[in-house]
Amino acid sequence: MNSPMNSCPCGSGSPSDACCAPYLAGFATPPTAEALMRSRFVAYTRADIDYLEATSGGEAKAEFSRKDATSWAKNATFTKLEIFATEAGQPNDTTGMVDFAATYSEQGKTLVLRERSLFARDPASNAWRYIGRQKGESIRRDPAKVGRNDSCPCGSGQKFKKCHGA
């Protein structure tokens, strides 16, 4: 059984070394669009801007701002990723979509980014790339307020007051 200390921040429940860490270290490439989505979330938790840029393609690559990505990754604390749905994006597909919500805190406020991200295989490398989002689908909202004695939304299993509520 995995302890919260070595579980991957992507929320898969797998140990980081057997989940997203090999992708971020460059030892492997994500086999699905969802695996890439999860590894990009982890990259934000680690402020790994090189990985975020390298795994962007198409319009997302053209619009990528290292300055903005660095600022967001360093000023926000990313606590939870929820995957709601995927369409295609499997090892033999060329495109895919992942519907997700990323919970994070910034300036003392807990927020949620809800998005339907689009992915495509890079024709040169055959690796998955984030290419953008479905327009009109991203929503930033305040989640329900977490009480001091509620479970922490990061999934650690601890009370909020002992984890991220301090």
N, C-alpha and C. Protein backbone atom coordinates (compact mmCIF):
# COMPACT_ATOMS: atom_id res chain seq x y z
N MET A 1 0.84 -1.18 0.00
CA MET A 1 0.00 0.00 0.00
C MET A 1 0.88 1.24 0.00
N ASN A 2 0.51 2.23 -0.78
CA ASN A 2 1.30 3.45 -0.90
C ASN A 2 0.96 4.43 0.21
N SER A 3 1.96 5.02 0.80
CA SER A 3 1.71 6.07 1.77
C SER A 3 1.55 7.37 1.00
N PRO A 4 0.85 8.35 1.59
CA PRO A 4 0.69 9.63 0.92
C PRO A 4 2.02 10.31 0.62
N MET A 5 3.06 9.94 1.37
CA MET A 5 4.36 10.59 1.18
C MET A 5 5.00 10.25 -0.16
N ASN A 6 4.77 9.03 -0.69
CA ASN A 6 5.41 8.68 -1.95
C ASN A 6 4.41 8.52 -3.09
N SER A 7 3.14 8.83 -2.83
CA SER A 7 2.15 8.76 -3.90
C SER A 7 2.38 9.91 -4.88
N CYS A 8 2.15 9.63 -6.13
CA CYS A 8 2.34 10.65 -7.16
C CYS A 8 1.32 11.77 -6.96
N PRO A 9 1.75 13.02 -7.08
CA PRO A 9 0.83 14.15 -6.92
C PRO A 9 -0.31 14.18 -7.94
N CYS A 10 -0.21 13.37 -9.00
CA CYS A 10 -1.24 13.39 -10.04
C CYS A 10 -2.54 12.75 -9.59
N GLY A 11 -2.54 12.10 -8.42
CA GLY A 11 -3.75 11.51 -7.89
C GLY A 11 -4.04 10.10 -8.36
N SER A 12 -3.12 9.48 -9.07
CA SER A 12 -3.34 8.13 -9.57
C SER A 12 -3.34 7.09 -8.45
N GLY A 13 -2.71 7.42 -7.33
CA GLY A 13 -2.56 6.47 -6.24
C GLY A 13 -1.31 5.62 -6.36
N SER A 14 -0.61 5.72 -7.47
CA SER A 14 0.62 4.97 -7.69
C SER A 14 1.81 5.73 -7.10
N PRO A 15 2.87 5.01 -6.76
CA PRO A 15 4.08 5.71 -6.31
C PRO A 15 4.61 6.59 -7.44
N SER A 16 5.15 7.72 -7.07
CA SER A 16 5.66 8.68 -8.06
C SER A 16 6.68 8.05 -9.00
N ASP A 17 7.56 7.19 -8.47
CA ASP A 17 8.59 6.55 -9.28
C ASP A 17 8.02 5.62 -10.34
N ALA A 18 6.81 5.11 -10.11
CA ALA A 18 6.16 4.20 -11.07
C ALA A 18 5.06 4.92 -11.85
N CYS A 19 4.99 6.23 -11.70
CA CYS A 19 3.92 6.98 -12.36
C CYS A 19 4.52 8.10 -13.22
N CYS A 20 4.50 9.32 -12.74
CA CYS A 20 4.91 10.47 -13.55
C CYS A 20 6.40 10.80 -13.50
N ALA A 21 7.10 10.41 -12.46
CA ALA A 21 8.52 10.77 -12.32
C ALA A 21 9.37 10.35 -13.52
N PRO A 22 9.20 9.14 -14.08
CA PRO A 22 10.01 8.78 -15.25
C PRO A 22 9.76 9.69 -16.46
N TYR A 23 8.54 10.19 -16.60
CA TYR A 23 8.23 11.09 -17.72
C TYR A 23 8.94 12.42 -17.52
N LEU A 24 8.86 12.97 -16.31
CA LEU A 24 9.49 14.25 -16.05
C LEU A 24 11.01 14.17 -16.11
N ALA A 25 11.56 13.00 -15.80
CA ALA A 25 13.01 12.81 -15.85
C ALA A 25 13.50 12.51 -17.26
N GLY A 26 12.57 12.28 -18.20
CA GLY A 26 12.95 12.00 -19.58
C GLY A 26 13.30 10.54 -19.84
N PHE A 27 12.99 9.65 -18.89
CA PHE A 27 13.28 8.23 -19.07
C PHE A 27 12.21 7.49 -19.86
N ALA A 28 11.03 8.09 -19.97
CA ALA A 28 9.90 7.47 -20.68
C ALA A 28 9.00 8.58 -21.20
N THR A 29 8.12 8.22 -22.12
CA THR A 29 7.12 9.17 -22.61
C THR A 29 5.73 8.65 -22.25
N PRO A 30 4.83 9.55 -21.89
CA PRO A 30 3.48 9.13 -21.52
C PRO A 30 2.81 8.40 -22.69
N PRO A 31 2.22 7.21 -22.43
CA PRO A 31 1.62 6.42 -23.50
C PRO A 31 0.23 6.89 -23.92
N THR A 32 -0.40 7.72 -23.07
CA THR A 32 -1.76 8.19 -23.37
C THR A 32 -1.86 9.69 -23.12
N ALA A 33 -2.92 10.29 -23.64
CA ALA A 33 -3.17 11.71 -23.39
C ALA A 33 -3.39 11.95 -21.90
N GLU A 34 -4.11 11.04 -21.24
CA GLU A 34 -4.34 11.21 -19.80
C GLU A 34 -3.04 11.14 -19.02
N ALA A 35 -2.15 10.24 -19.37
CA ALA A 35 -0.86 10.15 -18.69
C ALA A 35 -0.07 11.45 -18.88
N LEU A 36 -0.15 12.03 -20.07
CA LEU A 36 0.53 13.31 -20.29
C LEU A 36 -0.12 14.40 -19.44
N MET A 37 -1.46 14.42 -19.38
CA MET A 37 -2.16 15.40 -18.56
C MET A 37 -1.71 15.30 -17.10
N ARG A 38 -1.67 14.08 -16.59
CA ARG A 38 -1.26 13.87 -15.21
C ARG A 38 0.19 14.34 -14.98
N SER A 39 1.07 14.03 -15.92
CA SER A 39 2.48 14.42 -15.75
C SER A 39 2.64 15.94 -15.85
N ARG A 40 1.83 16.59 -16.66
CA ARG A 40 1.89 18.06 -16.73
C ARG A 40 1.42 18.69 -15.42
N PHE A 41 0.41 18.09 -14.79
CA PHE A 41 -0.01 18.58 -13.47
C PHE A 41 1.16 18.47 -12.49
N VAL A 42 1.83 17.33 -12.49
CA VAL A 42 2.97 17.14 -11.60
C VAL A 42 4.07 18.16 -11.93
N ALA A 43 4.26 18.44 -13.20
CA ALA A 43 5.26 19.45 -13.58
C ALA A 43 4.92 20.81 -12.97
N TYR A 44 3.64 21.15 -12.91
CA TYR A 44 3.26 22.40 -12.24
C TYR A 44 3.55 22.34 -10.75
N THR A 45 3.34 21.18 -10.12
CA THR A 45 3.63 21.08 -8.68
C THR A 45 5.12 21.26 -8.41
N ARG A 46 5.95 20.94 -9.39
CA ARG A 46 7.41 21.02 -9.24
C ARG A 46 8.01 22.25 -9.93
N ALA A 47 7.16 23.06 -10.55
CA ALA A 47 7.62 24.22 -11.33
C ALA A 47 8.64 23.79 -12.40
N ASP A 48 8.37 22.66 -13.05
CA ASP A 48 9.23 22.13 -14.11
C ASP A 48 8.79 22.72 -15.45
N ILE A 49 9.21 23.94 -15.69
CA ILE A 49 8.76 24.70 -16.86
C ILE A 49 9.33 24.09 -18.15
N ASP A 50 10.52 23.53 -18.10
CA ASP A 50 11.09 22.89 -19.29
C ASP A 50 10.18 21.76 -19.77
N TYR A 51 9.67 20.95 -18.84
CA TYR A 51 8.78 19.84 -19.22
C TYR A 51 7.48 20.38 -19.80
N LEU A 52 6.93 21.41 -19.18
CA LEU A 52 5.68 21.98 -19.69
C LEU A 52 5.86 22.50 -21.11
N GLU A 53 6.95 23.17 -21.36
CA GLU A 53 7.21 23.69 -22.71
C GLU A 53 7.45 22.55 -23.70
N ALA A 54 8.24 21.56 -23.30
CA ALA A 54 8.57 20.44 -24.19
C ALA A 54 7.35 19.61 -24.55
N THR A 55 6.36 19.55 -23.67
CA THR A 55 5.18 18.72 -23.93
C THR A 55 4.02 19.53 -24.51
N SER A 56 4.31 20.76 -24.92
CA SER A 56 3.31 21.58 -25.61
C SER A 56 3.52 21.44 -27.11
N GLY A 57 2.45 21.54 -27.86
CA GLY A 57 2.54 21.46 -29.31
C GLY A 57 1.52 22.37 -29.95
N GLY A 58 1.63 22.54 -31.24
CA GLY A 58 0.65 23.33 -31.99
C GLY A 58 0.47 24.72 -31.45
N GLU A 59 -0.79 25.13 -31.33
CA GLU A 59 -1.13 26.47 -30.85
C GLU A 59 -0.63 26.71 -29.43
N ALA A 60 -0.70 25.69 -28.58
CA ALA A 60 -0.23 25.83 -27.20
C ALA A 60 1.27 26.12 -27.15
N LYS A 61 2.03 25.52 -28.03
CA LYS A 61 3.49 25.76 -28.09
C LYS A 61 3.76 27.19 -28.57
N ALA A 62 3.00 27.62 -29.59
CA ALA A 62 3.19 28.95 -30.13
C ALA A 62 2.85 30.03 -29.11
N GLU A 63 1.88 29.74 -28.24
CA GLU A 63 1.43 30.73 -27.25
C GLU A 63 2.10 30.54 -25.89
N PHE A 64 2.98 29.55 -25.75
CA PHE A 64 3.58 29.24 -24.45
C PHE A 64 4.44 30.40 -23.96
N SER A 65 4.23 30.80 -22.72
CA SER A 65 5.01 31.87 -22.10
C SER A 65 5.73 31.30 -20.88
N ARG A 66 7.04 31.19 -20.97
CA ARG A 66 7.82 30.69 -19.84
C ARG A 66 7.61 31.58 -18.62
N LYS A 67 7.54 32.86 -18.84
CA LYS A 67 7.36 33.82 -17.75
C LYS A 67 6.03 33.56 -17.03
N ASP A 68 4.95 33.42 -17.78
CA ASP A 68 3.63 33.19 -17.17
C ASP A 68 3.57 31.83 -16.49
N ALA A 69 4.10 30.80 -17.14
CA ALA A 69 4.08 29.45 -16.57
C ALA A 69 4.89 29.41 -15.29
N THR A 70 6.05 30.06 -15.29
CA THR A 70 6.90 30.10 -14.11
C THR A 70 6.20 30.82 -12.97
N SER A 71 5.59 31.95 -13.27
CA SER A 71 4.90 32.73 -12.26
C SER A 71 3.78 31.91 -11.62
N TRP A 72 2.96 31.26 -12.46
CA TRP A 72 1.83 30.49 -11.92
C TRP A 72 2.34 29.30 -11.10
N ALA A 73 3.32 28.58 -11.62
CA ALA A 73 3.84 27.40 -10.92
C ALA A 73 4.48 27.77 -9.58
N LYS A 74 5.13 28.92 -9.52
CA LYS A 74 5.81 29.30 -8.28
C LYS A 74 4.90 29.99 -7.28
N ASN A 75 3.81 30.60 -7.76
CA ASN A 75 2.92 31.33 -6.86
C ASN A 75 1.70 30.52 -6.42
N ALA A 76 1.47 29.40 -7.04
CA ALA A 76 0.32 28.56 -6.69
C ALA A 76 0.82 27.25 -6.08
N THR A 77 0.00 26.69 -5.23
CA THR A 77 0.26 25.37 -4.67
C THR A 77 -0.79 24.44 -5.23
N PHE A 78 -0.39 23.53 -6.10
CA PHE A 78 -1.31 22.61 -6.76
C PHE A 78 -1.54 21.41 -5.85
N THR A 79 -2.80 21.16 -5.49
CA THR A 79 -3.09 20.18 -4.46
C THR A 79 -3.85 18.95 -4.95
N LYS A 80 -4.60 19.05 -6.05
CA LYS A 80 -5.42 17.91 -6.44
C LYS A 80 -5.75 17.96 -7.92
N LEU A 81 -5.71 16.80 -8.55
CA LEU A 81 -6.12 16.65 -9.94
C LEU A 81 -7.24 15.61 -10.00
N GLU A 82 -8.34 15.98 -10.62
CA GLU A 82 -9.45 15.04 -10.84
C GLU A 82 -9.67 14.91 -12.34
N ILE A 83 -9.68 13.69 -12.83
CA ILE A 83 -9.98 13.43 -14.23
C ILE A 83 -11.44 12.99 -14.29
N PHE A 84 -12.25 13.70 -15.08
CA PHE A 84 -13.67 13.38 -15.20
C PHE A 84 -13.98 12.52 -16.41
N ALA A 85 -13.27 12.75 -17.50
CA ALA A 85 -13.53 11.98 -18.72
C ALA A 85 -12.36 12.10 -19.67
N THR A 86 -12.22 11.08 -20.50
CA THR A 86 -11.26 11.14 -21.60
C THR A 86 -11.98 10.67 -22.86
N GLU A 87 -11.56 11.21 -23.98
CA GLU A 87 -12.07 10.76 -25.28
C GLU A 87 -10.85 10.45 -26.12
N ALA A 88 -10.81 9.25 -26.66
CA ALA A 88 -9.64 8.78 -27.44
C ALA A 88 -8.39 8.97 -26.58
N GLY A 89 -7.26 9.34 -27.21
CA GLY A 89 -6.04 9.57 -26.45
C GLY A 89 -5.34 8.32 -25.97
N GLN A 90 -5.68 7.17 -26.54
CA GLN A 90 -5.06 5.91 -26.15
C GLN A 90 -3.78 5.67 -26.97
N PRO A 91 -3.00 4.65 -26.65
CA PRO A 91 -1.72 4.44 -27.33
C PRO A 91 -1.79 4.39 -28.86
N ASN A 92 -2.88 3.93 -29.45
CA ASN A 92 -2.97 3.86 -30.91
C ASN A 92 -3.72 5.03 -31.54
N ASP A 93 -4.16 5.99 -30.73
CA ASP A 93 -4.88 7.16 -31.25
C ASP A 93 -3.90 8.27 -31.63
N THR A 94 -4.37 9.22 -32.41
CA THR A 94 -3.55 10.37 -32.79
C THR A 94 -4.00 11.65 -32.11
N THR A 95 -5.22 11.66 -31.59
CA THR A 95 -5.73 12.81 -30.85
C THR A 95 -6.47 12.32 -29.62
N GLY A 96 -6.67 13.22 -28.68
CA GLY A 96 -7.41 12.88 -27.47
C GLY A 96 -7.83 14.12 -26.72
N MET A 97 -8.75 13.93 -25.77
CA MET A 97 -9.26 15.00 -24.93
C MET A 97 -9.31 14.49 -23.50
N VAL A 98 -8.96 15.35 -22.55
CA VAL A 98 -9.06 15.01 -21.13
C VAL A 98 -9.82 16.14 -20.43
N ASP A 99 -10.92 15.79 -19.79
CA ASP A 99 -11.74 16.72 -19.02
C ASP A 99 -11.29 16.59 -17.57
N PHE A 100 -10.83 17.67 -16.98
CA PHE A 100 -10.25 17.59 -15.64
C PHE A 100 -10.54 18.84 -14.82
N ALA A 101 -10.24 18.74 -13.54
CA ALA A 101 -10.25 19.88 -12.63
C ALA A 101 -8.96 19.82 -11.82
N ALA A 102 -8.26 20.94 -11.76
CA ALA A 102 -7.04 21.05 -10.96
C ALA A 102 -7.31 22.03 -9.82
N THR A 103 -7.15 21.55 -8.60
CA THR A 103 -7.35 22.40 -7.42
C THR A 103 -5.99 22.95 -7.01
N TYR A 104 -5.97 24.23 -6.71
CA TYR A 104 -4.74 24.88 -6.29
C TYR A 104 -5.08 26.04 -5.37
N SER A 105 -4.09 26.50 -4.63
CA SER A 105 -4.29 27.69 -3.79
C SER A 105 -3.29 28.75 -4.25
N GLU A 106 -3.78 29.97 -4.20
CA GLU A 106 -2.96 31.10 -4.63
C GLU A 106 -3.38 32.30 -3.80
N GLN A 107 -2.41 32.97 -3.20
CA GLN A 107 -2.66 34.13 -2.34
C GLN A 107 -3.69 33.81 -1.27
N GLY A 108 -3.57 32.61 -0.68
CA GLY A 108 -4.44 32.21 0.42
C GLY A 108 -5.84 31.80 0.03
N LYS A 109 -6.11 31.70 -1.26
CA LYS A 109 -7.44 31.35 -1.73
C LYS A 109 -7.38 30.03 -2.51
N THR A 110 -8.29 29.10 -2.21
CA THR A 110 -8.35 27.84 -2.93
C THR A 110 -9.20 28.02 -4.18
N LEU A 111 -8.66 27.61 -5.32
CA LEU A 111 -9.33 27.76 -6.61
C LEU A 111 -9.32 26.44 -7.36
N VAL A 112 -10.18 26.33 -8.37
CA VAL A 112 -10.24 25.15 -9.21
C VAL A 112 -10.23 25.59 -10.67
N LEU A 113 -9.35 25.00 -11.46
CA LEU A 113 -9.33 25.22 -12.90
C LEU A 113 -10.00 24.00 -13.53
N ARG A 114 -11.09 24.22 -14.25
CA ARG A 114 -11.80 23.13 -14.94
C ARG A 114 -11.59 23.33 -16.43
N GLU A 115 -11.12 22.28 -17.11
CA GLU A 115 -10.78 22.43 -18.53
C GLU A 115 -10.96 21.12 -19.27
N ARG A 116 -11.22 21.23 -20.56
CA ARG A 116 -11.21 20.09 -21.48
C ARG A 116 -9.99 20.32 -22.36
N SER A 117 -8.89 19.64 -22.02
CA SER A 117 -7.63 19.81 -22.73
C SER A 117 -7.57 18.91 -23.96
N LEU A 118 -6.98 19.43 -25.01
CA LEU A 118 -6.83 18.70 -26.27
C LEU A 118 -5.38 18.28 -26.44
N PHE A 119 -5.21 17.06 -26.95
CA PHE A 119 -3.88 16.48 -27.13
C PHE A 119 -3.77 15.87 -28.52
N ALA A 120 -2.55 15.86 -29.05
CA ALA A 120 -2.28 15.22 -30.35
C ALA A 120 -0.87 14.65 -30.32
N ARG A 121 -0.68 13.66 -31.15
CA ARG A 121 0.68 13.09 -31.27
C ARG A 121 1.52 13.99 -32.16
N ASP A 122 2.74 14.20 -31.77
CA ASP A 122 3.71 14.94 -32.58
C ASP A 122 4.14 14.01 -33.71
N PRO A 123 3.96 14.41 -34.97
CA PRO A 123 4.30 13.51 -36.08
C PRO A 123 5.79 13.12 -36.11
N ALA A 124 6.66 14.01 -35.64
CA ALA A 124 8.10 13.72 -35.69
C ALA A 124 8.52 12.71 -34.62
N SER A 125 8.00 12.86 -33.41
CA SER A 125 8.45 12.00 -32.30
C SER A 125 7.42 10.94 -31.91
N ASN A 126 6.20 11.08 -32.38
CA ASN A 126 5.07 10.21 -32.02
C ASN A 126 4.69 10.34 -30.54
N ALA A 127 5.18 11.38 -29.86
CA ALA A 127 4.87 11.61 -28.44
C ALA A 127 3.64 12.50 -28.32
N TRP A 128 2.88 12.29 -27.26
CA TRP A 128 1.71 13.12 -27.00
C TRP A 128 2.13 14.54 -26.66
N ARG A 129 1.35 15.51 -27.13
CA ARG A 129 1.57 16.93 -26.82
C ARG A 129 0.23 17.57 -26.45
N TYR A 130 0.29 18.49 -25.50
CA TYR A 130 -0.86 19.33 -25.17
C TYR A 130 -0.96 20.38 -26.25
N ILE A 131 -2.10 20.47 -26.93
CA ILE A 131 -2.22 21.44 -28.04
C ILE A 131 -3.20 22.56 -27.75
N GLY A 132 -3.90 22.50 -26.63
CA GLY A 132 -4.80 23.59 -26.28
C GLY A 132 -6.02 23.07 -25.53
N ARG A 133 -7.03 23.89 -25.49
CA ARG A 133 -8.24 23.54 -24.78
C ARG A 133 -9.45 23.85 -25.65
N GLN A 134 -10.54 23.17 -25.35
CA GLN A 134 -11.78 23.50 -26.05
C GLN A 134 -12.21 24.88 -25.59
N LYS A 135 -12.44 25.75 -26.51
CA LYS A 135 -12.80 27.12 -26.19
C LYS A 135 -14.10 27.16 -25.40
N GLY A 136 -14.13 28.04 -24.42
CA GLY A 136 -15.33 28.21 -23.62
C GLY A 136 -15.51 27.16 -22.53
N GLU A 137 -14.58 26.23 -22.39
CA GLU A 137 -14.75 25.16 -21.42
C GLU A 137 -13.97 25.36 -20.13
N SER A 138 -12.96 26.25 -20.11
CA SER A 138 -12.18 26.45 -18.89
C SER A 138 -12.93 27.35 -17.93
N ILE A 139 -12.98 26.93 -16.68
CA ILE A 139 -13.67 27.70 -15.65
C ILE A 139 -12.77 27.72 -14.42
N ARG A 140 -12.54 28.88 -13.89
CA ARG A 140 -11.85 28.98 -12.60
C ARG A 140 -12.93 29.34 -11.59
N ARG A 141 -13.01 28.54 -10.54
CA ARG A 141 -14.06 28.78 -9.56
C ARG A 141 -13.54 28.46 -8.16
N ASP A 142 -14.23 29.03 -7.20
CA ASP A 142 -13.93 28.72 -5.80
C ASP A 142 -14.66 27.44 -5.45
N PRO A 143 -13.96 26.44 -4.92
CA PRO A 143 -14.65 25.22 -4.49
C PRO A 143 -15.36 25.46 -3.16
N ALA A 144 -16.10 24.48 -2.72
CA ALA A 144 -16.72 24.57 -1.41
C ALA A 144 -15.63 24.78 -0.37
N LYS A 145 -15.93 25.58 0.62
CA LYS A 145 -14.95 25.88 1.65
C LYS A 145 -14.61 24.62 2.45
N VAL A 146 -13.33 24.42 2.70
CA VAL A 146 -12.86 23.26 3.45
C VAL A 146 -12.74 23.66 4.92
N GLY A 147 -13.38 22.90 5.79
CA GLY A 147 -13.30 23.16 7.22
C GLY A 147 -11.99 22.66 7.80
N ARG A 148 -11.59 23.22 8.92
CA ARG A 148 -10.32 22.85 9.56
C ARG A 148 -10.24 21.36 9.85
N ASN A 149 -11.35 20.74 10.21
CA ASN A 149 -11.35 19.32 10.58
C ASN A 149 -11.75 18.40 9.43
N ASP A 150 -11.97 18.97 8.24
CA ASP A 150 -12.27 18.15 7.06
C ASP A 150 -10.98 17.52 6.54
N SER A 151 -11.13 16.45 5.76
CA SER A 151 -9.96 15.86 5.10
C SER A 151 -9.38 16.87 4.13
N CYS A 152 -8.06 16.91 4.05
CA CYS A 152 -7.40 17.85 3.15
C CYS A 152 -7.70 17.47 1.70
N PRO A 153 -8.05 18.45 0.85
CA PRO A 153 -8.37 18.14 -0.54
C PRO A 153 -7.18 17.63 -1.35
N CYS A 154 -5.96 17.68 -0.81
CA CYS A 154 -4.80 17.17 -1.55
C CYS A 154 -4.76 15.65 -1.57
N GLY A 155 -5.60 15.00 -0.72
CA GLY A 155 -5.64 13.55 -0.72
C GLY A 155 -4.65 12.90 0.24
N SER A 156 -4.04 13.67 1.11
CA SER A 156 -3.04 13.12 2.04
C SER A 156 -3.64 12.21 3.10
N GLY A 157 -4.94 12.36 3.36
CA GLY A 157 -5.59 11.60 4.41
C GLY A 157 -5.55 12.30 5.76
N GLN A 158 -4.86 13.43 5.84
CA GLN A 158 -4.78 14.19 7.08
C GLN A 158 -5.89 15.22 7.12
N LYS A 159 -6.14 15.74 8.31
CA LYS A 159 -7.09 16.84 8.44
C LYS A 159 -6.48 18.07 7.78
N PHE A 160 -7.34 18.91 7.23
CA PHE A 160 -6.91 20.11 6.54
C PHE A 160 -6.02 20.97 7.43
N LYS A 161 -6.39 21.12 8.72
CA LYS A 161 -5.63 21.99 9.62
C LYS A 161 -4.19 21.51 9.83
N LYS A 162 -3.96 20.19 9.69
CA LYS A 162 -2.62 19.63 9.90
C LYS A 162 -1.81 19.58 8.60
N CYS A 163 -2.49 19.77 7.47
CA CYS A 163 -1.81 19.62 6.18
C CYS A 163 -1.62 20.98 5.51
N HIS A 164 -2.57 21.38 4.68
CA HIS A 164 -2.45 22.64 3.94
C HIS A 164 -3.15 23.81 4.61
N GLY A 165 -3.81 23.56 5.73
CA GLY A 165 -4.56 24.62 6.40
C GLY A 165 -3.75 25.39 7.41
N ALA A 166 -2.50 25.02 7.59
CA ALA A 166 -1.66 25.69 8.60
C ALA A 166 -1.32 27.09 8.21
